[in-house]
Each structure stands twice: as C-alpha cells, then as structure tokens.
Protein backbone atom coordinates (compact mmCIF):
# COMPACT_ATOMS: atom_id res chain seq x y z
CA MET A 1 -28.97 27.46 -4.36
CA LEU A 2 -28.80 23.85 -5.56
CA THR A 3 -27.11 21.40 -3.17
CA LEU A 4 -25.62 18.15 -4.47
CA VAL A 5 -24.83 15.38 -2.00
CA PRO A 6 -22.56 12.54 -3.27
CA GLU A 7 -24.17 9.78 -1.20
CA HIS A 8 -22.95 6.99 -3.44
CA CYS A 9 -19.30 8.03 -3.64
CA ARG A 10 -17.15 4.92 -3.24
CA GLU A 11 -13.83 5.99 -4.74
CA ILE A 12 -12.08 9.30 -5.36
CA LEU A 13 -8.93 10.21 -7.24
CA LEU A 14 -6.57 12.96 -6.06
CA LEU A 15 -4.16 14.47 -8.60
CA ALA A 16 -1.46 17.03 -7.88
CA ALA A 17 1.68 18.42 -9.44
CA HIS A 18 3.40 18.99 -6.08
CA CYS A 19 3.33 17.71 -2.53
CA ASP A 20 0.97 19.91 -0.45
CA ASP A 21 -1.20 21.00 -3.43
CA LEU A 22 -4.04 18.65 -2.48
CA PRO A 23 -4.28 19.57 1.22
CA ILE A 24 -4.05 23.28 0.40
CA GLY A 25 -6.69 23.14 -2.33
CA ALA A 26 -9.05 20.50 -0.96
CA GLY A 27 -7.90 19.60 2.57
CA GLY A 28 -11.11 20.61 4.31
CA THR A 29 -13.27 18.79 1.78
CA LEU A 30 -11.16 15.65 2.16
CA LEU A 31 -11.44 15.75 5.95
CA GLU A 32 -15.21 15.96 5.87
CA LEU A 33 -15.75 13.59 2.94
CA CYS A 34 -13.55 10.84 4.34
CA ARG A 35 -15.06 11.08 7.82
CA ALA A 36 -18.56 10.90 6.37
CA ARG A 37 -17.72 7.77 4.36
CA PRO A 38 -15.48 5.39 6.34
CA GLY A 39 -13.64 3.01 4.05
CA LEU A 40 -13.72 5.39 1.09
CA ARG A 41 -11.12 4.36 -1.50
CA VAL A 42 -8.73 7.22 -2.16
CA THR A 43 -6.13 6.94 -4.92
CA ALA A 44 -3.61 9.79 -5.05
CA LEU A 45 -0.90 10.71 -7.55
CA VAL A 46 1.64 13.50 -7.04
CA LEU A 47 3.93 14.14 -9.98
CA SER A 48 6.97 15.63 -8.22
CA GLY A 49 8.89 15.29 -4.96
CA GLY A 50 9.61 11.57 -5.14
CA GLY A 51 12.69 10.48 -3.22
CA THR A 52 12.98 13.77 -1.33
CA GLY A 53 11.89 15.15 2.01
CA ARG A 54 8.80 16.47 0.28
CA GLU A 55 7.63 12.92 -0.36
CA ALA A 56 8.08 12.09 3.32
CA GLU A 57 5.94 15.10 4.22
CA GLU A 58 3.22 14.03 1.81
CA ARG A 59 3.16 10.43 3.02
CA ALA A 60 2.64 11.65 6.58
CA ALA A 61 0.12 14.35 5.65
CA LEU A 62 -2.35 12.64 3.31
CA PRO A 63 -3.40 9.92 5.77
CA ALA A 64 -4.16 12.70 8.26
CA PHE A 65 -6.26 14.52 5.66
CA CYS A 66 -8.03 11.29 4.63
CA PRO A 67 -9.08 9.75 7.96
CA LYS A 68 -10.70 6.31 7.85
CA ALA A 69 -9.98 6.02 4.11
CA GLU A 70 -8.22 3.28 2.15
CA LEU A 71 -5.41 5.41 0.77
CA ASP A 72 -3.09 4.48 -2.11
CA LEU A 73 -0.48 7.21 -2.73
CA THR A 74 2.10 7.41 -5.51
CA VAL A 75 4.71 10.20 -5.62
CA LEU A 76 6.75 10.54 -8.82
CA ASP A 77 10.04 12.37 -9.27
CA LEU A 78 9.31 14.75 -12.15
CA PRO A 79 11.31 17.95 -11.70
CA ASP A 80 9.42 20.85 -10.16
CA GLY A 81 8.46 23.48 -12.72
CA ARG A 82 9.22 21.28 -15.74
CA LEU A 83 6.00 19.40 -16.45
CA PRO A 84 5.72 20.66 -20.06
CA GLY A 85 9.05 18.96 -20.79
CA HIS A 86 7.88 15.66 -19.24
CA TRP A 87 4.46 15.47 -20.84
CA GLU A 88 4.72 11.85 -22.00
CA ARG A 89 5.69 10.51 -18.58
CA ALA A 90 2.90 12.44 -16.87
CA LYS A 91 0.37 11.19 -19.43
CA ALA A 92 1.58 7.61 -18.99
CA ALA A 93 1.20 7.89 -15.21
CA LEU A 94 -2.40 9.02 -15.60
CA GLU A 95 -3.13 6.24 -18.08
CA ASP A 96 -1.73 3.68 -15.64
CA LEU A 97 -4.06 5.05 -12.96
CA ARG A 98 -7.02 4.79 -15.29
CA ARG A 99 -6.34 1.10 -15.83
CA ARG A 100 -6.54 0.37 -12.12
CA CYS A 101 -9.19 2.76 -10.82
CA ASP A 102 -12.57 4.13 -11.89
CA PRO A 103 -13.26 7.01 -9.49
CA ASP A 104 -16.63 8.56 -8.83
CA LEU A 105 -14.95 11.92 -8.31
CA VAL A 106 -11.61 13.43 -9.36
CA PHE A 107 -9.85 16.33 -7.64
CA ALA A 108 -7.25 18.06 -9.81
CA PRO A 109 -5.74 21.52 -10.33
CA ALA A 110 -7.94 24.17 -11.92
CA PRO A 111 -7.24 24.54 -15.67
CA HIS A 112 -6.70 28.32 -15.47
CA ASP A 113 -3.98 28.05 -12.78
CA ALA A 114 -0.98 30.19 -13.75
CA HIS A 115 1.63 27.69 -12.54
CA GLN A 116 2.77 25.67 -15.55
CA ASP A 117 2.80 22.38 -13.64
CA HIS A 118 -0.71 22.86 -12.25
CA ARG A 119 -2.08 24.02 -15.60
CA GLY A 120 -0.37 21.22 -17.48
CA LEU A 121 -1.78 18.52 -15.23
CA ALA A 122 -5.26 20.07 -15.44
CA ARG A 123 -5.09 19.86 -19.23
CA LEU A 124 -4.00 16.23 -19.15
CA VAL A 125 -6.78 15.02 -16.86
CA PRO A 126 -9.69 15.13 -19.35
CA THR A 127 -7.59 13.34 -21.98
CA VAL A 128 -7.52 10.28 -19.72
CA PHE A 129 -10.48 10.62 -17.33
CA ARG A 130 -12.91 11.67 -20.04
CA ASP A 131 -16.17 10.53 -18.46
CA HIS A 132 -15.58 11.53 -14.84
CA LEU A 133 -16.73 14.40 -12.68
CA THR A 134 -13.60 16.50 -12.07
CA LEU A 135 -13.39 19.35 -9.57
CA GLY A 136 -10.52 21.79 -10.01
CA TYR A 137 -9.17 23.09 -6.70
CA GLU A 138 -7.67 26.53 -6.24
CA ILE A 139 -4.31 27.47 -4.69
CA LEU A 140 -3.78 31.06 -3.59
CA LYS A 141 -0.29 32.30 -4.46
CA TRP A 142 1.47 35.41 -5.76
CA GLU A 143 0.11 35.05 -9.30
CA SER A 144 -3.22 36.85 -9.72
CA ASP A 145 -4.96 33.80 -11.13
CA LEU A 146 -7.93 33.22 -8.84
CA ALA A 147 -11.15 32.95 -10.84
CA GLN A 148 -14.75 32.86 -9.65
CA PRO A 149 -15.69 29.24 -8.89
CA ALA A 150 -19.13 27.70 -9.23
CA VAL A 151 -18.86 24.70 -6.87
CA PHE A 152 -18.68 25.19 -3.10
CA VAL A 153 -18.18 22.84 -0.15
CA PRO A 154 -19.23 24.53 3.12
CA LEU A 155 -16.84 23.85 6.00
CA THR A 156 -17.19 24.19 9.74
CA GLU A 157 -14.85 26.41 11.71
CA GLU A 158 -13.44 23.27 13.35
CA THR A 159 -12.58 21.77 9.96
CA VAL A 160 -10.85 24.96 8.80
CA ARG A 161 -8.84 25.06 12.01
CA GLU A 162 -7.89 21.39 11.64
CA LYS A 163 -6.87 21.91 8.01
CA THR A 164 -4.63 24.83 8.96
CA ASP A 165 -3.09 22.97 11.89
CA LEU A 166 -2.36 19.91 9.75
CA LEU A 167 -0.77 22.00 7.00
CA HIS A 168 1.63 23.59 9.45
CA ALA A 169 2.35 20.32 11.23
CA HIS A 170 3.08 18.26 8.12
CA TYR A 171 4.76 20.70 5.72
CA PRO A 172 7.59 22.37 7.65
CA SER A 173 9.48 22.88 4.38
CA GLN A 174 6.87 25.45 3.33
CA ARG A 175 6.61 27.54 6.49
CA ALA A 176 9.05 30.19 5.25
CA ARG A 177 6.90 31.01 2.23
CA GLY A 178 5.06 34.31 2.59
CA TRP A 179 1.68 32.88 1.60
CA PHE A 180 1.87 29.77 3.77
CA ASP A 181 0.09 30.98 6.90
CA GLU A 182 -3.20 30.77 8.75
CA GLU A 183 -4.48 34.12 7.46
CA THR A 184 -4.13 32.98 3.86
CA PHE A 185 -5.95 29.68 4.33
CA ARG A 186 -8.66 31.04 6.63
CA GLY A 187 -9.11 34.23 4.59
CA LEU A 188 -9.81 32.46 1.30
CA ALA A 189 -12.11 30.00 3.10
CA ARG A 190 -14.03 32.93 4.60
CA VAL A 191 -14.50 34.60 1.20
CA ARG A 192 -15.75 31.36 -0.35
CA GLY A 193 -18.03 30.85 2.64
CA VAL A 194 -19.66 34.23 2.09
CA GLN A 195 -20.30 33.25 -1.52
CA CYS A 196 -22.27 30.15 -0.54
CA GLN A 197 -23.98 31.49 2.60
CA SER A 198 -21.69 29.62 4.97
CA ARG A 199 -19.06 30.74 7.45
CA TYR A 200 -16.27 28.96 5.56
CA ALA A 201 -15.97 26.92 2.38
CA GLU A 202 -13.62 25.49 -0.20
CA ALA A 203 -14.42 26.18 -3.82
CA PHE A 204 -13.85 24.31 -7.06
CA HIS A 205 -14.17 24.67 -10.82
CA ALA A 206 -16.11 22.18 -12.94
CA ALA A 207 -16.09 22.25 -16.73
CA LYS A 208 -18.98 19.81 -17.10
CA LEU A 209 -21.54 18.60 -14.58
CA ALA A 210 -24.42 16.19 -15.19
CA ILE A 211 -27.30 16.05 -12.71
CA GLY A 212 -29.91 13.33 -12.54
CA VAL A 213 -30.45 9.58 -12.78
CA SER A 214 -32.05 7.75 -15.67
CA ALA A 215 -32.07 4.18 -16.92
CA GLY A 216 -28.60 3.06 -17.86
CA VAL A 217 -26.94 6.23 -16.61
CA HIS A 218 -24.61 6.16 -13.62
CA SER A 219 -24.88 9.26 -11.47
CA LEU A 220 -22.88 10.23 -8.41
CA PHE A 221 -25.76 12.33 -7.11
C-alpha cells in the first residue's frame, strides 16, 4: 500500500453544502492534520445555514475540529436543498475564494453523492479549483450512495472518540436524526479502517492525483 504524507501542506480549503457536513465527512482527518501542523491556514465555506442557529453551531464546531489552525469561515444563506436553483451564486462564492486563497488541499463533497446540494457543489469545485488536489468526503445517510473510496486516512481510537463527542456536543439540532449517532460514525470508520489495515479510518474519493516532484512542478507530497 502506498502512503502519501503531505509534509508541505500550508493551507487547506474546506467546502460544504451544509453545516456539519465537514466534521461528519472529514472531522477525524481535520483533527489530526491541524494538530500535526500548528498554524495551518484553513479557509472554509458553507453554502447554507447563514443567519440561523445552524451557523452558530458551525462557528462553534469548526474551531474545535481545527485546533491550532488559522481558521477563516464563511457561512452563506442559500436555501437547503435548492443548490441547483442558485448555481450562479454558489459559483461566484467559489470564484471569490479562489481569488483570495491557493490551497494545497481541498476537501469537498464526493461527486457521486445522492444529495443534490452535495453533488452540485462537488461538480462546481473543479470548474474553479482546476489545478488542486481535491478529496471528496463521504456522508452516510439513508440514500444508498456510498461508493468504494481509494484514499484512506487512518485514525486512532482516541480521534474517532473525539470526533463523535464533538459532533454530539456541537450539533444538538441533528441529534434527533436516526443516522446521527455514535454507531453510525464509528461503524463507517471501522469499515474504512479494515480496508486500509488500520483500526479506524476516514475515506475519500479523488478524481485525479499526481505523485512526484520534478523541476518546475509543485507537489504536495
């Protein structure tokens, strides 16, 4: 198994359609990445939830999931479930981000996600961040849309426990949902861990990945 270590990562971009998508899909990875690189620049954009209690939850949660990082979070107020009808505004928000950041790594929804907001954002990302390594995170829900990933981030049991505890502490609005529980988060992490010879892991989808360093070529790895 090939292991890639992003030793030179200075800045990451986090993209989500909804508050809580990022911590659910990549919370363990963020905890370990940010702790390993104090001062990491983290720019985050969430398309919906602005001006509601969901934004308040997100503004309390993301700093906890990005310890020791320089976090810049924007939460817009696009209506939940209506991204296809607000395509231009979402595209403009991404283009504004591109003008003010040049991330080494982008976390975004997986392009096969069945939720129209997740899928729509995933399709927008490569139209703006065309030359960037993008990892698509997965969110387990009632739709049968999980696909087999190819990128794995092994996680310790302590990190998985911390991720689960933080999700329950910071997103009380989601606790009544049938899938929002410790068994869901730990169960998927256990399956992905088995697939990369670890106890636990988070997994991601990458459409294009370049490995290596040559003259004039910038490489994260």
